[in-house]
Amino acid sequence: MYDHNCDRPDYPITVLGDAATRSFVDGSAFHLYAGDISALARVHNAYPEKNVYFTEQFTGANGTFDGDLRWHLKNVIIGTMRNWGKVALEWNLASDPNYSPHTAGGCTECKGAVTIGNTITRNVSYYIIAHASNFVPPGSVRIGSNVSGNLYNVAFKTPAGKKVLIAVNDGTVSTSFNIKFNGQWVTTGLAVGSVGTYVW
């Protein structure tokens, strides 16, 4: 239910507060055109037995690849998963070079993950989702990791037992950092605005 922006977590909390309605609700879905991604955790904390999902965020014709990659990784991928989200989706999968098809009154500048014309072009949403979808298969679970300064991250354990760490440097300087697991360390780094996915 809900399927709207993170500025009104009071709405799903109110609906879930009705015992007669609550039994028919699997969870609440969110977008992030307004509000803060922490709204997902607010709803989860109020009703932890109910799911939270992130179902839409578009990249537009006027965005930049580096700016969109950075913001969407920090908020849609990492932010959603750090706030109990079970899924993180970009909007939309595919469009033509004129950003069609779309419904009347719909978004006239929403880029698809791919643009299909005379050639197929992979756009920024393709790479945003790829940082998770290529390395975090269904059945993976989130495991603990700490956010340090402007280095936002989220970690998972896959069904095969591999560990995956997705990180983005949202700061203004290059950052080196350590990944520690089971008493072993590796030092790595990310340039300003860069994203890295680490698997071991």
N, C-alpha and C. Protein backbone atom coordinates (compact mmCIF):
# COMPACT_ATOMS: atom_id res chain seq x y z
N MET A 1 0.83 -1.19 0.00
CA MET A 1 0.00 0.00 0.00
C MET A 1 0.87 1.24 0.00
N TYR A 2 0.26 2.36 -0.09
CA TYR A 2 0.82 3.70 -0.09
C TYR A 2 1.49 3.99 -1.44
N ASP A 3 2.67 3.45 -1.72
CA ASP A 3 3.37 3.63 -3.00
C ASP A 3 3.52 5.10 -3.35
N HIS A 4 4.12 5.85 -2.42
CA HIS A 4 4.30 7.29 -2.63
C HIS A 4 5.55 7.75 -1.89
N ASN A 5 5.72 9.04 -1.72
CA ASN A 5 6.97 9.61 -1.25
C ASN A 5 7.25 9.42 0.24
N CYS A 6 8.53 9.56 0.57
CA CYS A 6 9.00 9.34 1.94
C CYS A 6 8.67 10.48 2.88
N ASP A 7 7.99 11.52 2.40
CA ASP A 7 7.65 12.64 3.28
C ASP A 7 6.39 12.39 4.11
N ARG A 8 5.69 11.28 3.86
CA ARG A 8 4.44 11.02 4.60
C ARG A 8 4.39 9.61 5.19
N PRO A 9 5.39 9.21 6.02
CA PRO A 9 5.31 7.90 6.63
C PRO A 9 4.12 7.77 7.59
N ASP A 10 3.55 8.90 7.98
CA ASP A 10 2.38 8.86 8.86
C ASP A 10 1.21 8.16 8.18
N TYR A 11 1.12 8.26 6.85
CA TYR A 11 -0.01 7.63 6.15
C TYR A 11 0.03 6.11 6.29
N PRO A 12 1.11 5.41 5.90
CA PRO A 12 1.09 3.96 6.09
C PRO A 12 1.01 3.55 7.56
N ILE A 13 1.60 4.34 8.45
CA ILE A 13 1.51 4.01 9.88
C ILE A 13 0.06 4.10 10.34
N THR A 14 -0.68 5.08 9.87
CA THR A 14 -2.10 5.21 10.22
C THR A 14 -2.90 4.03 9.69
N VAL A 15 -2.67 3.66 8.42
CA VAL A 15 -3.39 2.52 7.84
C VAL A 15 -3.06 1.24 8.60
N LEU A 16 -1.78 1.02 8.88
CA LEU A 16 -1.39 -0.19 9.61
C LEU A 16 -1.90 -0.17 11.05
N GLY A 17 -2.19 1.01 11.56
CA GLY A 17 -2.72 1.12 12.91
C GLY A 17 -4.15 0.62 13.04
N ASP A 18 -4.83 0.41 11.92
CA ASP A 18 -6.19 -0.13 11.93
C ASP A 18 -6.09 -1.65 11.88
N ALA A 19 -6.43 -2.31 12.98
CA ALA A 19 -6.28 -3.77 13.08
C ALA A 19 -7.07 -4.51 12.02
N ALA A 20 -8.22 -4.00 11.63
CA ALA A 20 -9.04 -4.69 10.62
C ALA A 20 -8.37 -4.62 9.25
N THR A 21 -7.70 -3.55 8.97
CA THR A 21 -7.02 -3.38 7.68
C THR A 21 -5.67 -4.07 7.66
N ARG A 22 -4.94 -4.02 8.75
CA ARG A 22 -3.56 -4.52 8.82
C ARG A 22 -3.40 -5.94 8.31
N SER A 23 -4.37 -6.80 8.57
CA SER A 23 -4.24 -8.20 8.15
C SER A 23 -4.26 -8.36 6.63
N PHE A 24 -4.74 -7.36 5.90
CA PHE A 24 -4.79 -7.43 4.44
C PHE A 24 -3.58 -6.78 3.77
N VAL A 25 -2.68 -6.22 4.56
CA VAL A 25 -1.55 -5.46 4.01
C VAL A 25 -0.26 -6.25 4.16
N ASP A 26 0.43 -6.46 3.03
CA ASP A 26 1.75 -7.10 3.07
C ASP A 26 2.80 -6.10 3.53
N GLY A 27 2.72 -4.87 3.01
CA GLY A 27 3.72 -3.87 3.37
C GLY A 27 3.43 -2.54 2.71
N SER A 28 4.39 -1.63 2.85
CA SER A 28 4.26 -0.27 2.35
C SER A 28 5.34 -0.01 1.32
N ALA A 29 4.98 0.72 0.25
CA ALA A 29 5.92 1.02 -0.82
C ALA A 29 6.20 2.52 -0.86
N PHE A 30 7.43 2.86 -1.25
CA PHE A 30 7.87 4.26 -1.21
C PHE A 30 8.58 4.69 -2.48
N HIS A 31 8.56 6.01 -2.71
CA HIS A 31 9.38 6.72 -3.69
C HIS A 31 10.16 7.77 -2.90
N LEU A 32 11.09 8.46 -3.55
CA LEU A 32 11.89 9.45 -2.83
C LEU A 32 11.98 10.78 -3.59
N TYR A 33 10.85 11.24 -4.10
CA TYR A 33 10.82 12.57 -4.72
C TYR A 33 10.64 13.65 -3.66
N ALA A 34 10.32 13.24 -2.45
CA ALA A 34 10.22 14.13 -1.30
C ALA A 34 10.49 13.30 -0.05
N GLY A 35 11.00 13.93 0.99
CA GLY A 35 11.25 13.24 2.25
C GLY A 35 12.64 12.66 2.32
N ASP A 36 12.83 11.75 3.27
CA ASP A 36 14.13 11.13 3.54
C ASP A 36 13.95 9.61 3.56
N ILE A 37 14.94 8.90 3.07
CA ILE A 37 14.85 7.44 2.96
C ILE A 37 14.67 6.77 4.33
N SER A 38 15.02 7.44 5.42
CA SER A 38 14.84 6.88 6.76
C SER A 38 13.36 6.66 7.10
N ALA A 39 12.44 7.20 6.29
CA ALA A 39 11.01 6.96 6.51
C ALA A 39 10.69 5.48 6.46
N LEU A 40 11.43 4.70 5.67
CA LEU A 40 11.19 3.25 5.59
C LEU A 40 11.42 2.62 6.96
N ALA A 41 12.49 3.01 7.63
CA ALA A 41 12.78 2.46 8.96
C ALA A 41 11.73 2.90 9.97
N ARG A 42 11.22 4.11 9.82
CA ARG A 42 10.18 4.58 10.74
C ARG A 42 8.93 3.69 10.65
N VAL A 43 8.52 3.35 9.42
CA VAL A 43 7.37 2.47 9.25
C VAL A 43 7.70 1.06 9.73
N HIS A 44 8.89 0.57 9.38
CA HIS A 44 9.30 -0.76 9.85
C HIS A 44 9.30 -0.84 11.37
N ASN A 45 9.85 0.16 12.02
CA ASN A 45 9.93 0.14 13.49
C ASN A 45 8.56 0.17 14.13
N ALA A 46 7.60 0.83 13.49
CA ALA A 46 6.24 0.86 14.03
C ALA A 46 5.53 -0.48 13.85
N TYR A 47 5.80 -1.17 12.71
CA TYR A 47 5.16 -2.46 12.41
C TYR A 47 6.19 -3.40 11.79
N PRO A 48 7.11 -3.93 12.61
CA PRO A 48 8.22 -4.73 12.09
C PRO A 48 7.80 -6.02 11.38
N GLU A 49 6.59 -6.47 11.60
CA GLU A 49 6.11 -7.68 10.92
C GLU A 49 5.66 -7.40 9.48
N LYS A 50 5.60 -6.13 9.09
CA LYS A 50 5.18 -5.75 7.75
C LYS A 50 6.39 -5.33 6.92
N ASN A 51 6.34 -5.61 5.64
CA ASN A 51 7.45 -5.32 4.74
C ASN A 51 7.45 -3.86 4.31
N VAL A 52 8.63 -3.37 3.92
CA VAL A 52 8.75 -2.07 3.26
C VAL A 52 9.50 -2.29 1.95
N TYR A 53 9.08 -1.57 0.93
CA TYR A 53 9.63 -1.70 -0.42
C TYR A 53 9.93 -0.32 -0.98
N PHE A 54 10.92 -0.25 -1.86
CA PHE A 54 11.17 0.97 -2.60
C PHE A 54 10.85 0.68 -4.05
N THR A 55 9.85 1.35 -4.61
CA THR A 55 9.28 0.93 -5.89
C THR A 55 9.50 1.90 -7.05
N GLU A 56 10.04 3.10 -6.80
CA GLU A 56 10.21 4.02 -7.93
C GLU A 56 11.13 5.17 -7.63
N GLN A 57 12.07 5.42 -8.54
CA GLN A 57 12.82 6.67 -8.58
C GLN A 57 13.38 6.79 -9.98
N PHE A 58 13.12 7.89 -10.65
CA PHE A 58 13.58 8.01 -12.03
C PHE A 58 14.86 8.81 -12.15
N THR A 59 15.58 8.54 -13.22
CA THR A 59 16.67 9.42 -13.65
C THR A 59 16.15 10.12 -14.89
N GLY A 60 16.42 11.42 -14.98
CA GLY A 60 15.81 12.21 -16.03
C GLY A 60 16.77 12.69 -17.10
N ALA A 61 16.19 13.21 -18.15
CA ALA A 61 16.94 13.70 -19.30
C ALA A 61 17.93 14.79 -18.90
N ASN A 62 17.63 15.56 -17.87
CA ASN A 62 18.49 16.67 -17.48
C ASN A 62 19.50 16.32 -16.40
N GLY A 63 19.52 15.07 -15.95
CA GLY A 63 20.47 14.66 -14.94
C GLY A 63 21.85 14.40 -15.54
N THR A 64 22.83 14.20 -14.67
CA THR A 64 24.16 13.82 -15.11
C THR A 64 24.45 12.40 -14.66
N PHE A 65 25.25 11.70 -15.44
CA PHE A 65 25.57 10.31 -15.09
C PHE A 65 26.21 10.25 -13.70
N ASP A 66 27.24 11.06 -13.46
CA ASP A 66 27.95 10.98 -12.18
C ASP A 66 27.07 11.42 -11.01
N GLY A 67 26.30 12.48 -11.19
CA GLY A 67 25.43 12.94 -10.10
C GLY A 67 24.32 11.94 -9.79
N ASP A 68 23.70 11.39 -10.83
CA ASP A 68 22.63 10.41 -10.62
C ASP A 68 23.17 9.11 -10.03
N LEU A 69 24.32 8.65 -10.52
CA LEU A 69 24.91 7.42 -9.98
C LEU A 69 25.16 7.57 -8.49
N ARG A 70 25.77 8.64 -8.12
CA ARG A 70 26.11 8.91 -6.72
C ARG A 70 24.87 9.00 -5.84
N TRP A 71 23.89 9.84 -6.22
CA TRP A 71 22.70 10.05 -5.40
C TRP A 71 21.87 8.79 -5.29
N HIS A 72 21.66 8.11 -6.39
CA HIS A 72 20.81 6.91 -6.38
C HIS A 72 21.45 5.75 -5.63
N LEU A 73 22.77 5.58 -5.76
CA LEU A 73 23.42 4.52 -4.98
C LEU A 73 23.30 4.83 -3.50
N LYS A 74 23.56 6.07 -3.11
CA LYS A 74 23.49 6.45 -1.69
C LYS A 74 22.07 6.27 -1.14
N ASN A 75 21.07 6.72 -1.86
CA ASN A 75 19.71 6.73 -1.34
C ASN A 75 18.88 5.51 -1.72
N VAL A 76 18.82 5.20 -3.02
CA VAL A 76 17.91 4.14 -3.48
C VAL A 76 18.46 2.75 -3.14
N ILE A 77 19.72 2.50 -3.42
CA ILE A 77 20.27 1.17 -3.16
C ILE A 77 20.71 1.04 -1.70
N ILE A 78 21.69 1.82 -1.30
CA ILE A 78 22.23 1.70 0.06
C ILE A 78 21.20 2.17 1.09
N GLY A 79 20.59 3.31 0.87
CA GLY A 79 19.62 3.84 1.83
C GLY A 79 18.43 2.93 2.04
N THR A 80 17.89 2.40 0.95
CA THR A 80 16.75 1.48 1.07
C THR A 80 17.12 0.25 1.89
N MET A 81 18.26 -0.35 1.57
CA MET A 81 18.64 -1.58 2.26
C MET A 81 19.02 -1.35 3.72
N ARG A 82 19.58 -0.20 4.03
CA ARG A 82 19.93 0.11 5.43
C ARG A 82 18.69 0.48 6.25
N ASN A 83 17.56 0.68 5.57
CA ASN A 83 16.33 1.07 6.26
C ASN A 83 15.24 0.02 6.08
N TRP A 84 15.63 -1.25 6.03
CA TRP A 84 14.74 -2.40 6.05
C TRP A 84 14.01 -2.67 4.74
N GLY A 85 14.38 -2.02 3.67
CA GLY A 85 13.72 -2.26 2.39
C GLY A 85 14.01 -3.65 1.86
N LYS A 86 13.01 -4.28 1.28
CA LYS A 86 13.17 -5.62 0.69
C LYS A 86 13.48 -5.57 -0.79
N VAL A 87 13.24 -4.42 -1.42
CA VAL A 87 13.51 -4.26 -2.85
C VAL A 87 13.80 -2.80 -3.11
N ALA A 88 14.63 -2.54 -4.13
CA ALA A 88 14.91 -1.17 -4.57
C ALA A 88 14.81 -1.15 -6.09
N LEU A 89 13.88 -0.36 -6.61
CA LEU A 89 13.64 -0.30 -8.06
C LEU A 89 13.88 1.10 -8.60
N GLU A 90 14.42 1.15 -9.80
CA GLU A 90 14.51 2.39 -10.56
C GLU A 90 13.33 2.42 -11.54
N TRP A 91 12.98 3.63 -11.98
CA TRP A 91 11.90 3.80 -12.94
C TRP A 91 12.50 4.40 -14.20
N ASN A 92 12.40 3.85 -15.30
CA ASN A 92 11.72 2.65 -15.75
C ASN A 92 12.71 1.74 -16.47
N LEU A 93 12.24 0.62 -16.98
CA LEU A 93 13.14 -0.36 -17.57
C LEU A 93 13.67 0.09 -18.93
N ALA A 94 12.80 0.57 -19.81
CA ALA A 94 13.23 0.90 -21.17
C ALA A 94 12.38 2.02 -21.74
N SER A 95 13.00 2.80 -22.62
CA SER A 95 12.26 3.84 -23.34
C SER A 95 12.91 4.00 -24.71
N ASP A 96 12.23 4.72 -25.59
CA ASP A 96 12.83 5.04 -26.88
C ASP A 96 13.60 6.36 -26.74
N PRO A 97 14.26 6.83 -27.78
CA PRO A 97 15.03 8.08 -27.67
C PRO A 97 14.19 9.31 -27.30
N ASN A 98 12.86 9.22 -27.41
CA ASN A 98 11.97 10.33 -27.04
C ASN A 98 11.33 10.12 -25.67
N TYR A 99 11.86 9.18 -24.88
CA TYR A 99 11.37 8.86 -23.53
C TYR A 99 9.96 8.30 -23.53
N SER A 100 9.59 7.63 -24.59
CA SER A 100 8.29 6.98 -24.69
C SER A 100 8.49 5.47 -24.67
N PRO A 101 7.46 4.70 -24.44
CA PRO A 101 6.07 5.12 -24.22
C PRO A 101 5.85 5.53 -22.76
N HIS A 102 4.83 6.34 -22.58
CA HIS A 102 4.36 6.68 -21.24
C HIS A 102 2.89 7.06 -21.34
N THR A 103 2.22 6.99 -20.22
CA THR A 103 0.80 7.32 -20.21
C THR A 103 0.61 8.82 -20.39
N ALA A 104 -0.57 9.21 -20.83
CA ALA A 104 -0.89 10.63 -20.96
C ALA A 104 -0.69 11.32 -19.62
N GLY A 105 0.05 12.41 -19.63
CA GLY A 105 0.34 13.11 -18.39
C GLY A 105 1.50 12.52 -17.63
N GLY A 106 2.07 11.41 -18.15
CA GLY A 106 3.19 10.76 -17.48
C GLY A 106 4.50 11.49 -17.72
N CYS A 107 5.55 10.94 -17.22
CA CYS A 107 6.87 11.56 -17.28
C CYS A 107 7.37 11.63 -18.72
N THR A 108 7.68 12.83 -19.16
CA THR A 108 8.15 13.03 -20.54
C THR A 108 9.67 13.11 -20.63
N GLU A 109 10.37 12.93 -19.50
CA GLU A 109 11.83 12.98 -19.52
C GLU A 109 12.48 11.85 -18.73
N CYS A 110 11.70 10.84 -18.35
CA CYS A 110 12.25 9.72 -17.58
C CYS A 110 13.05 8.79 -18.49
N LYS A 111 14.32 8.64 -18.18
CA LYS A 111 15.17 7.73 -18.94
C LYS A 111 14.89 6.30 -18.52
N GLY A 112 14.87 5.41 -19.48
CA GLY A 112 14.84 3.99 -19.13
C GLY A 112 16.23 3.55 -18.72
N ALA A 113 16.32 2.39 -18.09
CA ALA A 113 17.63 1.81 -17.82
C ALA A 113 18.36 1.60 -19.14
N VAL A 114 17.59 1.30 -20.17
CA VAL A 114 18.14 1.23 -21.53
C VAL A 114 17.26 2.06 -22.45
N THR A 115 17.91 2.67 -23.46
CA THR A 115 17.19 3.37 -24.52
C THR A 115 17.25 2.49 -25.75
N ILE A 116 16.08 2.19 -26.30
CA ILE A 116 16.00 1.33 -27.47
C ILE A 116 15.62 2.16 -28.68
N GLY A 117 16.54 2.27 -29.61
CA GLY A 117 16.33 2.99 -30.86
C GLY A 117 16.99 2.18 -31.96
N ASN A 118 17.77 2.84 -32.80
CA ASN A 118 18.56 2.11 -33.80
C ASN A 118 19.63 1.26 -33.14
N THR A 119 20.03 1.68 -31.95
CA THR A 119 20.96 0.91 -31.12
C THR A 119 20.37 0.82 -29.72
N ILE A 120 20.99 0.05 -28.88
CA ILE A 120 20.58 -0.04 -27.47
C ILE A 120 21.65 0.65 -26.64
N THR A 121 21.23 1.62 -25.84
CA THR A 121 22.14 2.37 -24.99
C THR A 121 21.84 2.07 -23.54
N ARG A 122 22.87 1.70 -22.79
CA ARG A 122 22.71 1.50 -21.35
C ARG A 122 22.85 2.86 -20.67
N ASN A 123 21.85 3.25 -19.88
CA ASN A 123 21.85 4.53 -19.18
C ASN A 123 22.23 4.34 -17.72
N VAL A 124 22.25 5.42 -16.97
CA VAL A 124 22.74 5.39 -15.60
C VAL A 124 21.95 4.43 -14.71
N SER A 125 20.64 4.31 -14.89
CA SER A 125 19.85 3.38 -14.06
C SER A 125 20.31 1.94 -14.21
N TYR A 126 20.75 1.60 -15.40
CA TYR A 126 21.28 0.26 -15.65
C TYR A 126 22.45 -0.02 -14.70
N TYR A 127 23.35 0.94 -14.57
CA TYR A 127 24.54 0.77 -13.73
C TYR A 127 24.22 0.91 -12.25
N ILE A 128 23.24 1.75 -11.91
CA ILE A 128 22.82 1.87 -10.51
C ILE A 128 22.34 0.51 -10.02
N ILE A 129 21.43 -0.09 -10.75
CA ILE A 129 20.87 -1.38 -10.34
C ILE A 129 21.91 -2.50 -10.44
N ALA A 130 22.80 -2.41 -11.44
CA ALA A 130 23.81 -3.47 -11.64
C ALA A 130 24.71 -3.64 -10.43
N HIS A 131 25.00 -2.57 -9.71
CA HIS A 131 25.87 -2.70 -8.54
C HIS A 131 25.27 -3.64 -7.50
N ALA A 132 23.97 -3.76 -7.49
CA ALA A 132 23.34 -4.72 -6.58
C ALA A 132 22.92 -5.99 -7.31
N SER A 133 22.23 -5.86 -8.43
CA SER A 133 21.63 -7.04 -9.06
C SER A 133 22.67 -8.03 -9.58
N ASN A 134 23.84 -7.57 -9.98
CA ASN A 134 24.87 -8.48 -10.47
C ASN A 134 25.54 -9.27 -9.35
N PHE A 135 25.45 -8.79 -8.12
CA PHE A 135 26.24 -9.38 -7.04
C PHE A 135 25.42 -9.83 -5.83
N VAL A 136 24.17 -9.37 -5.73
CA VAL A 136 23.32 -9.69 -4.57
C VAL A 136 22.11 -10.47 -5.08
N PRO A 137 22.23 -11.80 -5.18
CA PRO A 137 21.14 -12.59 -5.74
C PRO A 137 19.98 -12.74 -4.76
N PRO A 138 18.81 -13.16 -5.27
CA PRO A 138 17.68 -13.44 -4.37
C PRO A 138 18.11 -14.40 -3.27
N GLY A 139 17.57 -14.18 -2.09
CA GLY A 139 17.92 -15.01 -0.94
C GLY A 139 19.07 -14.46 -0.13
N SER A 140 19.72 -13.38 -0.60
CA SER A 140 20.78 -12.74 0.17
C SER A 140 20.17 -12.02 1.37
N VAL A 141 20.96 -11.87 2.42
CA VAL A 141 20.51 -11.15 3.61
C VAL A 141 21.50 -10.04 3.92
N ARG A 142 20.97 -8.96 4.42
CA ARG A 142 21.85 -7.85 4.80
C ARG A 142 22.60 -8.21 6.07
N ILE A 143 23.88 -7.87 6.11
CA ILE A 143 24.69 -8.07 7.31
C ILE A 143 25.23 -6.71 7.75
N GLY A 144 25.78 -6.65 8.95
CA GLY A 144 26.22 -5.39 9.52
C GLY A 144 27.40 -4.77 8.80
N SER A 145 27.38 -3.46 8.68
CA SER A 145 28.51 -2.66 8.23
C SER A 145 28.31 -1.28 8.80
N ASN A 146 29.41 -0.55 8.99
CA ASN A 146 29.26 0.78 9.59
C ASN A 146 29.53 1.87 8.56
N VAL A 147 28.76 2.95 8.65
CA VAL A 147 28.94 4.11 7.79
C VAL A 147 29.96 5.02 8.48
N SER A 148 31.00 5.39 7.73
CA SER A 148 32.05 6.24 8.28
C SER A 148 32.14 7.51 7.45
N GLY A 149 31.81 8.64 8.06
CA GLY A 149 31.87 9.91 7.34
C GLY A 149 30.95 9.91 6.14
N ASN A 150 31.50 10.23 4.98
CA ASN A 150 30.72 10.28 3.74
C ASN A 150 30.84 9.01 2.91
N LEU A 151 31.31 7.95 3.52
CA LEU A 151 31.43 6.66 2.84
C LEU A 151 30.20 5.82 3.22
N TYR A 152 29.18 5.89 2.36
CA TYR A 152 27.93 5.16 2.61
C TYR A 152 28.06 3.76 2.04
N ASN A 153 27.51 2.77 2.75
CA ASN A 153 27.68 1.39 2.31
C ASN A 153 26.61 0.49 2.88
N VAL A 154 26.51 -0.67 2.28
CA VAL A 154 25.62 -1.73 2.77
C VAL A 154 26.27 -3.06 2.42
N ALA A 155 26.10 -4.06 3.28
CA ALA A 155 26.75 -5.36 3.08
C ALA A 155 25.72 -6.48 3.13
N PHE A 156 26.03 -7.56 2.41
CA PHE A 156 25.13 -8.71 2.30
C PHE A 156 25.91 -10.01 2.41
N LYS A 157 25.21 -11.07 2.80
CA LYS A 157 25.70 -12.44 2.69
C LYS A 157 24.80 -13.13 1.67
N THR A 158 25.41 -13.72 0.64
CA THR A 158 24.64 -14.37 -0.42
C THR A 158 24.30 -15.80 -0.02
N PRO A 159 23.35 -16.44 -0.71
CA PRO A 159 23.04 -17.84 -0.41
C PRO A 159 24.25 -18.76 -0.56
N ALA A 160 25.21 -18.39 -1.41
CA ALA A 160 26.43 -19.19 -1.59
C ALA A 160 27.47 -18.92 -0.50
N GLY A 161 27.15 -17.99 0.41
CA GLY A 161 28.06 -17.68 1.50
C GLY A 161 29.05 -16.58 1.21
N LYS A 162 28.99 -15.97 0.03
CA LYS A 162 29.88 -14.85 -0.28
C LYS A 162 29.40 -13.60 0.44
N LYS A 163 30.33 -12.68 0.68
CA LYS A 163 30.00 -11.39 1.26
C LYS A 163 30.11 -10.35 0.16
N VAL A 164 29.19 -9.37 0.16
CA VAL A 164 29.17 -8.30 -0.83
C VAL A 164 29.04 -6.98 -0.10
N LEU A 165 29.90 -6.04 -0.44
CA LEU A 165 29.85 -4.69 0.13
C LEU A 165 29.71 -3.71 -1.02
N ILE A 166 28.66 -2.88 -0.97
CA ILE A 166 28.44 -1.82 -1.96
C ILE A 166 28.71 -0.50 -1.24
N ALA A 167 29.60 0.32 -1.81
CA ALA A 167 29.98 1.57 -1.15
C ALA A 167 30.01 2.71 -2.15
N VAL A 168 29.71 3.93 -1.67
CA VAL A 168 29.80 5.13 -2.49
C VAL A 168 30.47 6.22 -1.65
N ASN A 169 31.40 6.94 -2.28
CA ASN A 169 32.04 8.07 -1.63
C ASN A 169 31.23 9.32 -1.95
N ASP A 170 30.44 9.78 -0.99
CA ASP A 170 29.60 10.96 -1.18
C ASP A 170 30.28 12.23 -0.67
N GLY A 171 31.58 12.15 -0.44
CA GLY A 171 32.31 13.30 0.08
C GLY A 171 32.92 14.16 -1.02
N THR A 172 33.83 15.02 -0.61
CA THR A 172 34.48 15.95 -1.53
C THR A 172 35.96 15.65 -1.74
N VAL A 173 36.46 14.59 -1.10
CA VAL A 173 37.85 14.16 -1.28
C VAL A 173 37.89 12.64 -1.44
N SER A 174 38.93 12.17 -2.12
CA SER A 174 39.13 10.72 -2.23
C SER A 174 39.28 10.14 -0.83
N THR A 175 38.76 8.94 -0.65
CA THR A 175 38.76 8.32 0.67
C THR A 175 39.31 6.91 0.59
N SER A 176 40.25 6.59 1.46
CA SER A 176 40.69 5.21 1.60
C SER A 176 40.03 4.65 2.85
N PHE A 177 39.80 3.35 2.85
CA PHE A 177 39.12 2.73 3.97
C PHE A 177 39.51 1.25 4.05
N ASN A 178 39.20 0.66 5.18
CA ASN A 178 39.49 -0.75 5.42
C ASN A 178 38.22 -1.56 5.39
N ILE A 179 38.31 -2.73 4.82
CA ILE A 179 37.24 -3.72 4.95
C ILE A 179 37.79 -4.80 5.87
N LYS A 180 37.12 -5.02 6.98
CA LYS A 180 37.57 -6.01 7.95
C LYS A 180 36.51 -7.10 8.06
N PHE A 181 36.96 -8.35 7.99
CA PHE A 181 36.05 -9.48 8.15
C PHE A 181 36.83 -10.65 8.73
N ASN A 182 36.31 -11.23 9.80
CA ASN A 182 36.95 -12.38 10.46
C ASN A 182 38.42 -12.13 10.78
N GLY A 183 38.73 -10.94 11.27
CA GLY A 183 40.09 -10.63 11.67
C GLY A 183 41.05 -10.33 10.54
N GLN A 184 40.58 -10.33 9.31
CA GLN A 184 41.43 -10.00 8.17
C GLN A 184 41.04 -8.63 7.63
N TRP A 185 42.05 -7.90 7.12
CA TRP A 185 41.84 -6.55 6.64
C TRP A 185 42.27 -6.43 5.19
N VAL A 186 41.60 -5.56 4.46
CA VAL A 186 42.06 -5.12 3.16
C VAL A 186 41.83 -3.61 3.10
N THR A 187 42.78 -2.89 2.55
CA THR A 187 42.65 -1.44 2.41
C THR A 187 42.36 -1.13 0.95
N THR A 188 41.39 -0.28 0.73
CA THR A 188 41.00 0.12 -0.62
C THR A 188 40.59 1.59 -0.57
N GLY A 189 40.09 2.12 -1.64
CA GLY A 189 39.67 3.51 -1.65
C GLY A 189 38.73 3.82 -2.79
N LEU A 190 38.07 4.95 -2.67
CA LEU A 190 37.15 5.42 -3.71
C LEU A 190 37.39 6.91 -3.96
N ALA A 191 37.44 7.29 -5.22
CA ALA A 191 37.53 8.69 -5.59
C ALA A 191 36.20 9.37 -5.28
N VAL A 192 36.19 10.68 -5.30
CA VAL A 192 34.96 11.45 -5.05
C VAL A 192 33.86 11.01 -6.01
N GLY A 193 32.70 10.68 -5.46
CA GLY A 193 31.55 10.28 -6.27
C GLY A 193 31.61 8.87 -6.81
N SER A 194 32.67 8.14 -6.53
CA SER A 194 32.82 6.78 -7.08
C SER A 194 32.05 5.76 -6.26
N VAL A 195 31.72 4.68 -6.94
CA VAL A 195 31.00 3.56 -6.34
C VAL A 195 31.84 2.31 -6.52
N GLY A 196 31.84 1.46 -5.51
CA GLY A 196 32.55 0.19 -5.63
C GLY A 196 31.71 -0.93 -5.07
N THR A 197 31.77 -2.08 -5.70
CA THR A 197 31.14 -3.29 -5.18
C THR A 197 32.25 -4.31 -4.95
N TYR A 198 32.35 -4.79 -3.73
CA TYR A 198 33.43 -5.69 -3.31
C TYR A 198 32.82 -7.03 -2.95
N VAL A 199 33.44 -8.10 -3.42
CA VAL A 199 32.92 -9.46 -3.18
C VAL A 199 34.06 -10.32 -2.67
N TRP A 200 33.81 -11.10 -1.60
CA TRP A 200 34.80 -12.06 -1.11
C TRP A 200 34.12 -13.27 -0.54
